[in-house]
């Protein structure tokens, strides 16, 4: 379940047969198109696409775009090769995660997609840091939509299409006017619930789901993927370095296998306790995202205290859960 709702563009693909609108953070796209597990299997087999057109799209132009972003982000991007995907964070002065960006540079422009509704605040921060640098920052959400092609997809795209390719698939920055045509050519469409189930399976954290106001990158395993330890200063770097050297983040991300006999999935924020202590035991963490997986059944990600034993049986609310280590204690 999503933590809260936010205003997002409404996708024209909600008019496709069987489309059921998503709610909360993912409002504006389809939750599913009538068959959640079929949609998951299609994506797992490298077929179809996911409509992520509710996500914010930001473009940074100018000859100093990479060196400027390098000063602000947690990732090393000053020499980012054209077409190479990366991800980065903006931290608070105390090292807490504030924004997450999924980036690619096309040789003239850095394109990034971000969580729905966060682009305005992010652009406000970036604009405040421009100073004398030759850069221009623009909100392109109204003009461009993100669609996701799964790993293994053989879909062919026009040569000038901006694509961010990772081990998990391709994020395509598509002119919003071309969404309907893209769906007709590259279907079947899969809803955001299928995408989320595969994200949870892959242990990939998401802003405002696996994060709260005090989350630091170490807790989510983002050191090395979104945080580069061998680069110059950026806001929050002191906390990153201190926790990395001490090796003791206060919490850690875990993957949960949930009891399949329960009808309802535990919602975001559901308390995590030791099964041995029962439902009245001390809270040791909370569920961040839960999902129904086509092979694994009900699964979830959760944040728990660092010292929770890695082999301890847990309770997610009233639901029995066994854990797999994502971030080592």
C-alpha atoms as a PDB file:
ATOM      1  CA  UNK A   1       0.000   0.000   0.000  1.00  0.00           C
ATOM      2  CA  UNK A   2       1.291   3.465  -0.857  1.00  0.00           C
ATOM      3  CA  UNK A   3       2.026   5.900   1.953  1.00  0.00           C
ATOM      4  CA  UNK A   4       0.073   8.841   0.588  1.00  0.00           C
ATOM      5  CA  UNK A   5      -1.441  10.314  -2.550  1.00  0.00           C
ATOM      6  CA  UNK A   6       0.080  13.001  -4.710  1.00  0.00           C
ATOM      7  CA  UNK A   7      -1.036  14.833  -7.807  1.00  0.00           C
ATOM      8  CA  UNK A   8       0.139  13.123 -11.016  1.00  0.00           C
ATOM      9  CA  UNK A   9      -0.605  13.364 -14.732  1.00  0.00           C
ATOM     10  CA  UNK A  10      -3.431  11.052 -15.747  1.00  0.00           C
ATOM     11  CA  UNK A  11      -2.369   8.517 -18.363  1.00  0.00           C
ATOM     12  CA  UNK A  12      -4.396   8.040 -21.545  1.00  0.00           C
ATOM     13  CA  UNK A  13      -3.657   4.316 -21.168  1.00  0.00           C
ATOM     14  CA  UNK A  14      -6.264   4.160 -18.411  1.00  0.00           C
ATOM     15  CA  UNK A  15      -8.681   3.818 -21.333  1.00  0.00           C
ATOM     16  CA  UNK A  16      -7.199   0.431 -22.288  1.00  0.00           C
ATOM     17  CA  UNK A  17      -9.495  -2.583 -21.753  1.00  0.00           C
ATOM     18  CA  UNK A  18      -9.525  -3.821 -18.162  1.00  0.00           C
ATOM     19  CA  UNK A  19      -7.546  -0.890 -16.739  1.00  0.00           C
ATOM     20  CA  UNK A  20      -8.113  -0.330 -13.016  1.00  0.00           C
ATOM     21  CA  UNK A  21      -6.705   2.990 -11.738  1.00  0.00           C
ATOM     22  CA  UNK A  22      -3.970   2.917  -9.109  1.00  0.00           C
ATOM     23  CA  UNK A  23      -4.341   4.895  -5.900  1.00  0.00           C
ATOM     24  CA  UNK A  24      -2.045   6.836  -3.595  1.00  0.00           C
ATOM     25  CA  UNK A  25       1.457   7.672  -4.783  1.00  0.00           C
ATOM     26  CA  UNK A  26       0.848   5.885  -8.104  1.00  0.00           C
ATOM     27  CA  UNK A  27      -2.412   7.631  -8.915  1.00  0.00           C
ATOM     28  CA  UNK A  28      -2.647   8.465 -12.623  1.00  0.00           C
ATOM     29  CA  UNK A  29      -1.669   5.078 -14.094  1.00  0.00           C
ATOM     30  CA  UNK A  30      -3.212   1.612 -14.034  1.00  0.00           C
ATOM     31  CA  UNK A  31      -2.843  -0.637 -11.010  1.00  0.00           C
ATOM     32  CA  UNK A  32      -3.536  -3.571 -13.319  1.00  0.00           C
ATOM     33  CA  UNK A  33      -5.361  -4.484 -16.514  1.00  0.00           C
ATOM     34  CA  UNK A  34      -7.427  -7.333 -15.137  1.00  0.00           C
ATOM     35  CA  UNK A  35      -4.876 -10.072 -14.425  1.00  0.00           C
ATOM     36  CA  UNK A  36      -2.077  -9.196 -11.997  1.00  0.00           C
ATOM     37  CA  UNK A  37      -0.206 -12.490 -12.207  1.00  0.00           C
ATOM     38  CA  UNK A  38      -0.405 -12.744 -15.994  1.00  0.00           C
ATOM     39  CA  UNK A  39       1.034  -9.241 -16.203  1.00  0.00           C
ATOM     40  CA  UNK A  40       3.880 -10.193 -13.858  1.00  0.00           C
ATOM     41  CA  UNK A  41       4.688 -13.298 -15.877  1.00  0.00           C
ATOM     42  CA  UNK A  42       4.768 -11.262 -19.087  1.00  0.00           C
ATOM     43  CA  UNK A  43       7.290  -8.856 -17.591  1.00  0.00           C
ATOM     44  CA  UNK A  44       9.373 -11.684 -16.130  1.00  0.00           C
ATOM     45  CA  UNK A  45       9.484 -13.220 -19.617  1.00  0.00           C
ATOM     46  CA  UNK A  46      10.648  -9.937 -21.181  1.00  0.00           C
ATOM     47  CA  UNK A  47       7.319  -9.096 -22.822  1.00  0.00           C
ATOM     48  CA  UNK A  48       5.144  -6.000 -22.647  1.00  0.00           C
ATOM     49  CA  UNK A  49       5.752  -2.724 -20.840  1.00  0.00           C
ATOM     50  CA  UNK A  50       4.777  -0.750 -17.740  1.00  0.00           C
ATOM     51  CA  UNK A  51       3.198   2.697 -17.928  1.00  0.00           C
ATOM     52  CA  UNK A  52       5.184   4.954 -15.562  1.00  0.00           C
ATOM     53  CA  UNK A  53       3.901   8.166 -17.096  1.00  0.00           C
ATOM     54  CA  UNK A  54       2.914   9.530 -13.673  1.00  0.00           C
ATOM     55  CA  UNK A  55       6.575   9.940 -12.709  1.00  0.00           C
ATOM     56  CA  UNK A  56       8.230  13.337 -12.847  1.00  0.00           C
ATOM     57  CA  UNK A  57      10.683  14.074 -15.678  1.00  0.00           C
ATOM     58  CA  UNK A  58      13.498  16.602 -15.287  1.00  0.00           C
ATOM     59  CA  UNK A  59      15.963  17.783 -17.954  1.00  0.00           C
ATOM     60  CA  UNK A  60      19.263  19.581 -17.270  1.00  0.00           C
ATOM     61  CA  UNK A  61      20.937  21.318 -20.208  1.00  0.00           C
ATOM     62  CA  UNK A  62      24.125  23.312 -20.592  1.00  0.00           C
ATOM     63  CA  UNK A  63      27.844  22.670 -21.078  1.00  0.00           C
ATOM     64  CA  UNK A  64      28.481  22.414 -17.329  1.00  0.00           C
ATOM     65  CA  UNK A  65      25.519  20.174 -16.494  1.00  0.00           C
ATOM     66  CA  UNK A  66      27.585  17.147 -15.426  1.00  0.00           C
ATOM     67  CA  UNK A  67      30.212  18.986 -13.391  1.00  0.00           C
ATOM     68  CA  UNK A  68      27.449  20.982 -11.689  1.00  0.00           C
ATOM     69  CA  UNK A  69      25.319  17.954 -10.831  1.00  0.00           C
ATOM     70  CA  UNK A  70      28.456  16.223  -9.563  1.00  0.00           C
ATOM     71  CA  UNK A  71      28.642  18.846  -6.788  1.00  0.00           C
ATOM     72  CA  UNK A  72      25.047  18.284  -5.666  1.00  0.00           C
ATOM     73  CA  UNK A  73      24.390  14.561  -6.008  1.00  0.00           C
ATOM     74  CA  UNK A  74      25.707  11.528  -4.166  1.00  0.00           C
ATOM     75  CA  UNK A  75      26.810   9.870  -7.412  1.00  0.00           C
ATOM     76  CA  UNK A  76      29.999  10.451  -9.440  1.00  0.00           C
ATOM     77  CA  UNK A  77      28.612  12.007 -12.642  1.00  0.00           C
ATOM     78  CA  UNK A  78      31.265  14.501 -13.768  1.00  0.00           C
ATOM     79  CA  UNK A  79      32.491  12.041 -16.421  1.00  0.00           C
ATOM     80  CA  UNK A  80      29.249  10.128 -16.972  1.00  0.00           C
ATOM     81  CA  UNK A  81      29.473   8.469 -20.420  1.00  0.00           C
ATOM     82  CA  UNK A  82      26.745   9.223 -22.923  1.00  0.00           C
ATOM     83  CA  UNK A  83      23.962   6.657 -22.635  1.00  0.00           C
ATOM     84  CA  UNK A  84      25.155   5.127 -19.364  1.00  0.00           C
ATOM     85  CA  UNK A  85      22.411   4.859 -16.754  1.00  0.00           C
ATOM     86  CA  UNK A  86      23.016   5.728 -13.132  1.00  0.00           C
ATOM     87  CA  UNK A  87      21.058   6.711 -10.048  1.00  0.00           C
ATOM     88  CA  UNK A  88      21.738   9.350  -7.435  1.00  0.00           C
ATOM     89  CA  UNK A  89      20.351  10.919  -4.288  1.00  0.00           C
ATOM     90  CA  UNK A  90      19.950  14.379  -2.852  1.00  0.00           C
ATOM     91  CA  UNK A  91      20.521  14.297   0.897  1.00  0.00           C
ATOM     92  CA  UNK A  92      19.682  16.712   3.682  1.00  0.00           C
ATOM     93  CA  UNK A  93      22.473  18.357   5.635  1.00  0.00           C
ATOM     94  CA  UNK A  94      22.151  15.497   8.151  1.00  0.00           C
ATOM     95  CA  UNK A  95      22.518  12.816   5.475  1.00  0.00           C
ATOM     96  CA  UNK A  96      18.866  11.784   5.229  1.00  0.00           C
ATOM     97  CA  UNK A  97      17.478  10.863   1.800  1.00  0.00           C
ATOM     98  CA  UNK A  98      15.427  13.705   0.319  1.00  0.00           C
ATOM     99  CA  UNK A  99      15.245  12.906  -3.416  1.00  0.00           C
ATOM    100  CA  UNK A 100      16.103   9.973  -5.688  1.00  0.00           C
ATOM    101  CA  UNK A 101      16.990  10.514  -9.363  1.00  0.00           C
ATOM    102  CA  UNK A 102      17.313   7.933 -12.136  1.00  0.00           C
ATOM    103  CA  UNK A 103      19.629   9.489 -14.710  1.00  0.00           C
ATOM    104  CA  UNK A 104      20.996   9.224 -18.213  1.00  0.00           C
ATOM    105  CA  UNK A 105      22.898  11.751 -20.361  1.00  0.00           C
ATOM    106  CA  UNK A 106      22.209  11.825 -24.107  1.00  0.00           C
ATOM    107  CA  UNK A 107      25.213  13.983 -24.980  1.00  0.00           C
ATOM    108  CA  UNK A 108      23.348  17.271 -24.725  1.00  0.00           C
ATOM    109  CA  UNK A 109      20.919  16.821 -21.846  1.00  0.00           C
ATOM    110  CA  UNK A 110      20.774  14.926 -18.570  1.00  0.00           C
ATOM    111  CA  UNK A 111      17.365  13.297 -18.281  1.00  0.00           C
ATOM    112  CA  UNK A 112      16.060  12.070 -14.939  1.00  0.00           C
ATOM    113  CA  UNK A 113      12.837  10.566 -13.747  1.00  0.00           C
ATOM    114  CA  UNK A 114      11.771  10.978 -10.142  1.00  0.00           C
ATOM    115  CA  UNK A 115       8.941  10.024  -7.816  1.00  0.00           C
ATOM    116  CA  UNK A 116       5.526  11.435  -8.793  1.00  0.00           C
ATOM    117  CA  UNK A 117       4.967  14.905  -7.419  1.00  0.00           C
ATOM    118  CA  UNK A 118       8.558  15.443  -6.203  1.00  0.00           C
ATOM    119  CA  UNK A 119       9.906  17.217  -9.278  1.00  0.00           C
ATOM    120  CA  UNK A 120       8.773  20.684  -8.222  1.00  0.00           C
ATOM    121  CA  UNK A 121      10.625  20.586  -4.894  1.00  0.00           C
ATOM    122  CA  UNK A 122      13.685  19.039  -6.520  1.00  0.00           C
ATOM    123  CA  UNK A 123      13.792  21.688  -9.234  1.00  0.00           C
ATOM    124  CA  UNK A 124      13.430  24.365  -6.557  1.00  0.00           C
ATOM    125  CA  UNK A 125      16.515  23.022  -4.807  1.00  0.00           C
ATOM    126  CA  UNK A 126      18.496  22.728  -8.043  1.00  0.00           C
ATOM    127  CA  UNK A 127      17.575  26.260  -9.113  1.00  0.00           C
ATOM    128  CA  UNK A 128      18.774  27.582  -5.760  1.00  0.00           C
ATOM    129  CA  UNK A 129      22.184  26.010  -6.408  1.00  0.00           C
ATOM    130  CA  UNK A 130      22.815  27.249  -9.965  1.00  0.00           C
ATOM    131  CA  UNK A 131      24.912  30.299  -9.002  1.00  0.00           C
ATOM    132  CA  UNK A 132      27.169  31.119 -11.979  1.00  0.00           C
ATOM    133  CA  UNK A 133      27.052  27.679 -13.632  1.00  0.00           C
ATOM    134  CA  UNK A 134      25.935  27.466 -17.264  1.00  0.00           C
ATOM    135  CA  UNK A 135      23.007  25.129 -16.777  1.00  0.00           C
ATOM    136  CA  UNK A 136      19.258  25.170 -17.339  1.00  0.00           C
ATOM    137  CA  UNK A 137      16.837  22.999 -15.373  1.00  0.00           C
ATOM    138  CA  UNK A 138      13.381  22.229 -16.757  1.00  0.00           C
ATOM    139  CA  UNK A 139      10.331  20.250 -15.680  1.00  0.00           C
ATOM    140  CA  UNK A 140       9.455  18.141 -18.747  1.00  0.00           C
ATOM    141  CA  UNK A 141       6.731  16.053 -17.097  1.00  0.00           C
ATOM    142  CA  UNK A 142       4.001  17.636 -19.203  1.00  0.00           C
ATOM    143  CA  UNK A 143       5.836  16.749 -22.423  1.00  0.00           C
ATOM    144  CA  UNK A 144       7.538  13.425 -21.703  1.00  0.00           C
ATOM    145  CA  UNK A 145       6.361  10.200 -20.112  1.00  0.00           C
ATOM    146  CA  UNK A 146       8.378   7.268 -18.775  1.00  0.00           C
ATOM    147  CA  UNK A 147       7.562   3.724 -19.858  1.00  0.00           C
ATOM    148  CA  UNK A 148       9.459   0.653 -18.693  1.00  0.00           C
ATOM    149  CA  UNK A 149      10.478  -2.238 -20.925  1.00  0.00           C
ATOM    150  CA  UNK A 150      11.496  -5.315 -18.900  1.00  0.00           C
ATOM    151  CA  UNK A 151      14.890  -7.018 -19.090  1.00  0.00           C
ATOM    152  CA  UNK A 152      14.957  -9.326 -22.089  1.00  0.00           C
ATOM    153  CA  UNK A 153      12.562  -7.213 -24.142  1.00  0.00           C
ATOM    154  CA  UNK A 154      13.406  -7.153 -27.850  1.00  0.00           C
ATOM    155  CA  UNK A 155      11.233  -4.114 -28.561  1.00  0.00           C
ATOM    156  CA  UNK A 156      12.882  -1.827 -31.115  1.00  0.00           C
ATOM    157  CA  UNK A 157      12.845   1.922 -30.537  1.00  0.00           C
ATOM    158  CA  UNK A 158      13.618   4.885 -32.807  1.00  0.00           C
ATOM    159  CA  UNK A 159      17.315   5.773 -32.827  1.00  0.00           C
ATOM    160  CA  UNK A 160      16.827   9.202 -31.228  1.00  0.00           C
ATOM    161  CA  UNK A 161      14.822   7.873 -28.262  1.00  0.00           C
ATOM    162  CA  UNK A 162      16.271   8.654 -24.834  1.00  0.00           C
ATOM    163  CA  UNK A 163      16.661   5.339 -23.011  1.00  0.00           C
ATOM    164  CA  UNK A 164      18.008   4.518 -19.581  1.00  0.00           C
ATOM    165  CA  UNK A 165      19.086   0.853 -19.618  1.00  0.00           C
ATOM    166  CA  UNK A 166      19.939  -1.195 -16.524  1.00  0.00           C
ATOM    167  CA  UNK A 167      20.025  -4.869 -15.568  1.00  0.00           C
ATOM    168  CA  UNK A 168      16.326  -4.564 -14.715  1.00  0.00           C
ATOM    169  CA  UNK A 169      15.208  -3.249 -18.097  1.00  0.00           C
ATOM    170  CA  UNK A 170      14.894  -0.039 -20.087  1.00  0.00           C
ATOM    171  CA  UNK A 171      13.275   3.200 -18.942  1.00  0.00           C
ATOM    172  CA  UNK A 172      12.139   5.056 -22.059  1.00  0.00           C
ATOM    173  CA  UNK A 173      11.583   8.826 -22.083  1.00  0.00           C
ATOM    174  CA  UNK A 174       8.746   9.010 -24.564  1.00  0.00           C
ATOM    175  CA  UNK A 175       6.936  12.087 -25.894  1.00  0.00           C
ATOM    176  CA  UNK A 176       3.635  12.027 -24.045  1.00  0.00           C
ATOM    177  CA  UNK A 177       1.708  12.328 -27.313  1.00  0.00           C
ATOM    178  CA  UNK A 178       3.151   8.959 -28.413  1.00  0.00           C
ATOM    179  CA  UNK A 179       1.921   6.905 -25.429  1.00  0.00           C
ATOM    180  CA  UNK A 180      -1.110   5.427 -27.163  1.00  0.00           C
ATOM    181  CA  UNK A 181       0.892   4.431 -30.236  1.00  0.00           C
ATOM    182  CA  UNK A 182       3.611   2.907 -28.071  1.00  0.00           C
ATOM    183  CA  UNK A 183       1.026   0.804 -26.228  1.00  0.00           C
ATOM    184  CA  UNK A 184      -0.452  -0.476 -29.489  1.00  0.00           C
ATOM    185  CA  UNK A 185       2.984  -1.493 -30.786  1.00  0.00           C
ATOM    186  CA  UNK A 186       4.677  -2.822 -27.645  1.00  0.00           C
ATOM    187  CA  UNK A 187       1.871  -4.388 -25.568  1.00  0.00           C
ATOM    188  CA  UNK A 188       0.676  -6.122 -23.541  1.00  0.00           C
ATOM    189  CA  UNK A 189       0.503  -3.421 -20.895  1.00  0.00           C
ATOM    190  CA  UNK A 190       1.279  -4.377 -17.302  1.00  0.00           C
ATOM    191  CA  UNK A 191       0.076  -2.382 -14.338  1.00  0.00           C
ATOM    192  CA  UNK A 192       2.063  -0.763 -11.554  1.00  0.00           C
ATOM    193  CA  UNK A 193       1.205  -3.602  -9.133  1.00  0.00           C
ATOM    194  CA  UNK A 194       3.071  -6.082 -11.355  1.00  0.00           C
ATOM    195  CA  UNK A 195       6.017  -3.689 -11.568  1.00  0.00           C
ATOM    196  CA  UNK A 196       6.010  -3.238  -7.787  1.00  0.00           C
ATOM    197  CA  UNK A 197       5.934  -6.990  -7.135  1.00  0.00           C
ATOM    198  CA  UNK A 198       9.032  -7.460  -9.278  1.00  0.00           C
ATOM    199  CA  UNK A 199      10.687  -4.466  -7.598  1.00  0.00           C
ATOM    200  CA  UNK A 200      10.136  -6.017  -4.185  1.00  0.00           C
ATOM    201  CA  UNK A 201      11.468  -9.346  -5.444  1.00  0.00           C
ATOM    202  CA  UNK A 202      14.612  -7.532  -6.666  1.00  0.00           C
ATOM    203  CA  UNK A 203      15.010  -5.787  -3.262  1.00  0.00           C
ATOM    204  CA  UNK A 204      14.960  -2.325  -4.912  1.00  0.00           C
ATOM    205  CA  UNK A 205      14.070   0.481  -2.489  1.00  0.00           C
ATOM    206  CA  UNK A 206      11.789   3.324  -3.506  1.00  0.00           C
ATOM    207  CA  UNK A 207      11.581   6.862  -2.149  1.00  0.00           C
ATOM    208  CA  UNK A 208       8.692   7.400   0.315  1.00  0.00           C
ATOM    209  CA  UNK A 209       8.075   3.659   0.452  1.00  0.00           C
ATOM    210  CA  UNK A 210      11.361   2.360   1.894  1.00  0.00           C
ATOM    211  CA  UNK A 211      12.299   5.822   3.198  1.00  0.00           C
ATOM    212  CA  UNK A 212      11.043   8.115   5.917  1.00  0.00           C
ATOM    213  CA  UNK A 213      12.314  11.447   7.254  1.00  0.00           C
ATOM    214  CA  UNK A 214      15.382   9.847   8.870  1.00  0.00           C
ATOM    215  CA  UNK A 215      16.475   7.199   6.349  1.00  0.00           C
ATOM    216  CA  UNK A 216      20.153   7.212   5.413  1.00  0.00           C
ATOM    217  CA  UNK A 217      21.527   5.455   2.300  1.00  0.00           C
ATOM    218  CA  UNK A 218      23.368   2.725   4.232  1.00  0.00           C
ATOM    219  CA  UNK A 219      20.104   1.338   5.625  1.00  0.00           C
ATOM    220  CA  UNK A 220      18.843   0.542   2.112  1.00  0.00           C
ATOM    221  CA  UNK A 221      22.060  -0.815   0.602  1.00  0.00           C
ATOM    222  CA  UNK A 222      22.512   2.229  -1.655  1.00  0.00           C
ATOM    223  CA  UNK A 223      26.224   2.672  -1.031  1.00  0.00           C
ATOM    224  CA  UNK A 224      27.864   1.890  -4.359  1.00  0.00           C
ATOM    225  CA  UNK A 225      24.681   1.995  -6.416  1.00  0.00           C
ATOM    226  CA  UNK A 226      23.430   5.523  -5.717  1.00  0.00           C
ATOM    227  CA  UNK A 227      26.225   6.799  -3.456  1.00  0.00           C
ATOM    228  CA  UNK A 228      29.838   7.021  -4.637  1.00  0.00           C
ATOM    229  CA  UNK A 229      32.375   7.086  -1.814  1.00  0.00           C
ATOM    230  CA  UNK A 230      35.291   8.453  -3.862  1.00  0.00           C
ATOM    231  CA  UNK A 231      34.131  11.923  -4.859  1.00  0.00           C
ATOM    232  CA  UNK A 232      34.121  15.513  -3.635  1.00  0.00           C
ATOM    233  CA  UNK A 233      31.834  17.205  -1.167  1.00  0.00           C
ATOM    234  CA  UNK A 234      28.052  17.199  -1.370  1.00  0.00           C
ATOM    235  CA  UNK A 235      25.392  17.989   1.172  1.00  0.00           C
ATOM    236  CA  UNK A 236      25.165  15.220   3.775  1.00  0.00           C
ATOM    237  CA  UNK A 237      28.523  13.662   2.882  1.00  0.00           C
ATOM    238  CA  UNK A 238      29.806  13.902   6.459  1.00  0.00           C
ATOM    239  CA  UNK A 239      27.072  11.565   7.679  1.00  0.00           C
ATOM    240  CA  UNK A 240      27.677   9.152   4.803  1.00  0.00           C
ATOM    241  CA  UNK A 241      31.394   8.970   5.559  1.00  0.00           C
ATOM    242  CA  UNK A 242      30.949   8.672   9.321  1.00  0.00           C
ATOM    243  CA  UNK A 243      28.407   5.835   9.144  1.00  0.00           C
ATOM    244  CA  UNK A 244      30.413   4.061   6.431  1.00  0.00           C
ATOM    245  CA  UNK A 245      33.571   4.147   8.549  1.00  0.00           C
ATOM    246  CA  UNK A 246      31.804   3.054  11.743  1.00  0.00           C
ATOM    247  CA  UNK A 247      29.701   0.490   9.879  1.00  0.00           C
ATOM    248  CA  UNK A 248      26.658   0.841  12.113  1.00  0.00           C
ATOM    249  CA  UNK A 249      23.535   2.248  10.449  1.00  0.00           C
ATOM    250  CA  UNK A 250      20.624   2.149  12.923  1.00  0.00           C
ATOM    251  CA  UNK A 251      18.302   0.113  10.658  1.00  0.00           C
ATOM    252  CA  UNK A 252      18.533  -2.323   7.772  1.00  0.00           C
ATOM    253  CA  UNK A 253      16.339  -3.323   4.848  1.00  0.00           C
ATOM    254  CA  UNK A 254      15.011  -6.898   4.861  1.00  0.00           C
ATOM    255  CA  UNK A 255      12.985  -9.006   2.440  1.00  0.00           C
ATOM    256  CA  UNK A 256      10.036 -10.886   3.914  1.00  0.00           C
ATOM    257  CA  UNK A 257       8.200 -14.023   2.889  1.00  0.00           C
ATOM    258  CA  UNK A 258       4.705 -13.590   4.317  1.00  0.00           C
ATOM    259  CA  UNK A 259       2.244 -16.218   5.480  1.00  0.00           C
ATOM    260  CA  UNK A 260       0.168 -17.007   2.408  1.00  0.00           C
ATOM    261  CA  UNK A 261      -2.947 -17.917   4.374  1.00  0.00           C
ATOM    262  CA  UNK A 262      -3.665 -14.273   5.198  1.00  0.00           C
ATOM    263  CA  UNK A 263      -6.258 -12.574   2.995  1.00  0.00           C
ATOM    264  CA  UNK A 264      -4.927  -9.026   3.328  1.00  0.00           C
ATOM    265  CA  UNK A 265      -1.381  -7.817   2.795  1.00  0.00           C
ATOM    266  CA  UNK A 266       0.176  -5.784   5.626  1.00  0.00           C
ATOM    267  CA  UNK A 267      -0.024  -2.102   4.759  1.00  0.00           C
ATOM    268  CA  UNK A 268       2.848   0.369   4.624  1.00  0.00           C
ATOM    269  CA  UNK A 269       3.810   1.174   8.214  1.00  0.00           C
ATOM    270  CA  UNK A 270       2.576  -2.105   9.719  1.00  0.00           C
ATOM    271  CA  UNK A 271       4.710  -2.815  12.826  1.00  0.00           C
ATOM    272  CA  UNK A 272       7.343  -5.564  12.754  1.00  0.00           C
ATOM    273  CA  UNK A 273       7.857  -7.585  15.950  1.00  0.00           C
ATOM    274  CA  UNK A 274       9.587 -10.792  16.938  1.00  0.00           C
ATOM    275  CA  UNK A 275       7.206 -13.720  16.492  1.00  0.00           C
ATOM    276  CA  UNK A 276       8.364 -15.079  19.841  1.00  0.00           C
ATOM    277  CA  UNK A 277       7.097 -11.903  21.565  1.00  0.00           C
ATOM    278  CA  UNK A 278       3.672 -11.978  19.921  1.00  0.00           C
ATOM    279  CA  UNK A 279       1.504  -9.080  18.813  1.00  0.00           C
ATOM    280  CA  UNK A 280       2.142  -7.180  22.049  1.00  0.00           C
ATOM    281  CA  UNK A 281       5.919  -7.312  21.699  1.00  0.00           C
ATOM    282  CA  UNK A 282       8.200  -4.340  21.174  1.00  0.00           C
ATOM    283  CA  UNK A 283       8.081  -2.826  17.684  1.00  0.00           C
ATOM    284  CA  UNK A 284      11.362  -3.425  15.846  1.00  0.00           C
ATOM    285  CA  UNK A 285      10.547  -1.896  12.476  1.00  0.00           C
ATOM    286  CA  UNK A 286       7.798  -1.524   9.912  1.00  0.00           C
ATOM    287  CA  UNK A 287       6.637  -2.850   6.555  1.00  0.00           C
ATOM    288  CA  UNK A 288       7.571  -0.545   3.679  1.00  0.00           C
ATOM    289  CA  UNK A 289       6.054  -2.301   0.629  1.00  0.00           C
ATOM    290  CA  UNK A 290       4.052  -5.505   0.324  1.00  0.00           C
ATOM    291  CA  UNK A 291       3.010  -7.307  -2.853  1.00  0.00           C
ATOM    292  CA  UNK A 292       1.576 -10.513  -4.280  1.00  0.00           C
ATOM    293  CA  UNK A 293       4.139 -12.287  -6.447  1.00  0.00           C
ATOM    294  CA  UNK A 294       3.200 -14.734  -9.188  1.00  0.00           C
ATOM    295  CA  UNK A 295       5.695 -17.354  -7.930  1.00  0.00           C
ATOM    296  CA  UNK A 296       6.723 -16.380  -4.384  1.00  0.00           C
ATOM    297  CA  UNK A 297       3.263 -15.540  -3.067  1.00  0.00           C
ATOM    298  CA  UNK A 298       2.907 -12.611  -0.631  1.00  0.00           C
ATOM    299  CA  UNK A 299       6.202 -10.799  -0.077  1.00  0.00           C
ATOM    300  CA  UNK A 300       7.353  -7.519   1.408  1.00  0.00           C
ATOM    301  CA  UNK A 301      10.236  -5.203   2.131  1.00  0.00           C
ATOM    302  CA  UNK A 302      10.669  -3.839   5.637  1.00  0.00           C
ATOM    303  CA  UNK A 303      12.998  -1.687   7.696  1.00  0.00           C
ATOM    304  CA  UNK A 304      14.056  -3.227  11.005  1.00  0.00           C
ATOM    305  CA  UNK A 305      16.510  -2.326  13.734  1.00  0.00           C
ATOM    306  CA  UNK A 306      20.071  -3.292  12.890  1.00  0.00           C
ATOM    307  CA  UNK A 307      20.412  -5.714  15.810  1.00  0.00           C
ATOM    308  CA  UNK A 308      17.351  -7.845  14.962  1.00  0.00           C
ATOM    309  CA  UNK A 309      18.781 -11.381  14.553  1.00  0.00           C
ATOM    310  CA  UNK A 310      18.957 -12.334  10.864  1.00  0.00           C
ATOM    311  CA  UNK A 311      17.405 -15.731  11.548  1.00  0.00           C
ATOM    312  CA  UNK A 312      14.574 -14.475  13.763  1.00  0.00           C
ATOM    313  CA  UNK A 313      10.979 -15.275  12.815  1.00  0.00           C
ATOM    314  CA  UNK A 314       8.958 -12.068  12.627  1.00  0.00           C
ATOM    315  CA  UNK A 315       5.408 -10.797  12.737  1.00  0.00           C
ATOM    316  CA  UNK A 316       4.214  -8.138  10.301  1.00  0.00           C
ATOM    317  CA  UNK A 317       1.189  -6.983  12.240  1.00  0.00           C
ATOM    318  CA  UNK A 318      -0.570 -10.317  12.707  1.00  0.00           C
ATOM    319  CA  UNK A 319       1.075 -11.991   9.699  1.00  0.00           C
ATOM    320  CA  UNK A 320       3.924 -14.470  10.203  1.00  0.00           C
ATOM    321  CA  UNK A 321       7.039 -13.561   8.231  1.00  0.00           C
ATOM    322  CA  UNK A 322      10.461 -15.048   7.587  1.00  0.00           C
ATOM    323  CA  UNK A 323      13.272 -12.728   6.574  1.00  0.00           C
ATOM    324  CA  UNK A 324      16.066 -12.694   4.022  1.00  0.00           C
ATOM    325  CA  UNK A 325      19.016 -10.370   4.520  1.00  0.00           C
ATOM    326  CA  UNK A 326      19.223  -7.445   2.100  1.00  0.00           C
ATOM    327  CA  UNK A 327      21.510  -5.190   4.148  1.00  0.00           C
ATOM    328  CA  UNK A 328      23.826  -7.078   6.481  1.00  0.00           C
ATOM    329  CA  UNK A 329      23.780  -5.950  10.130  1.00  0.00           C
END
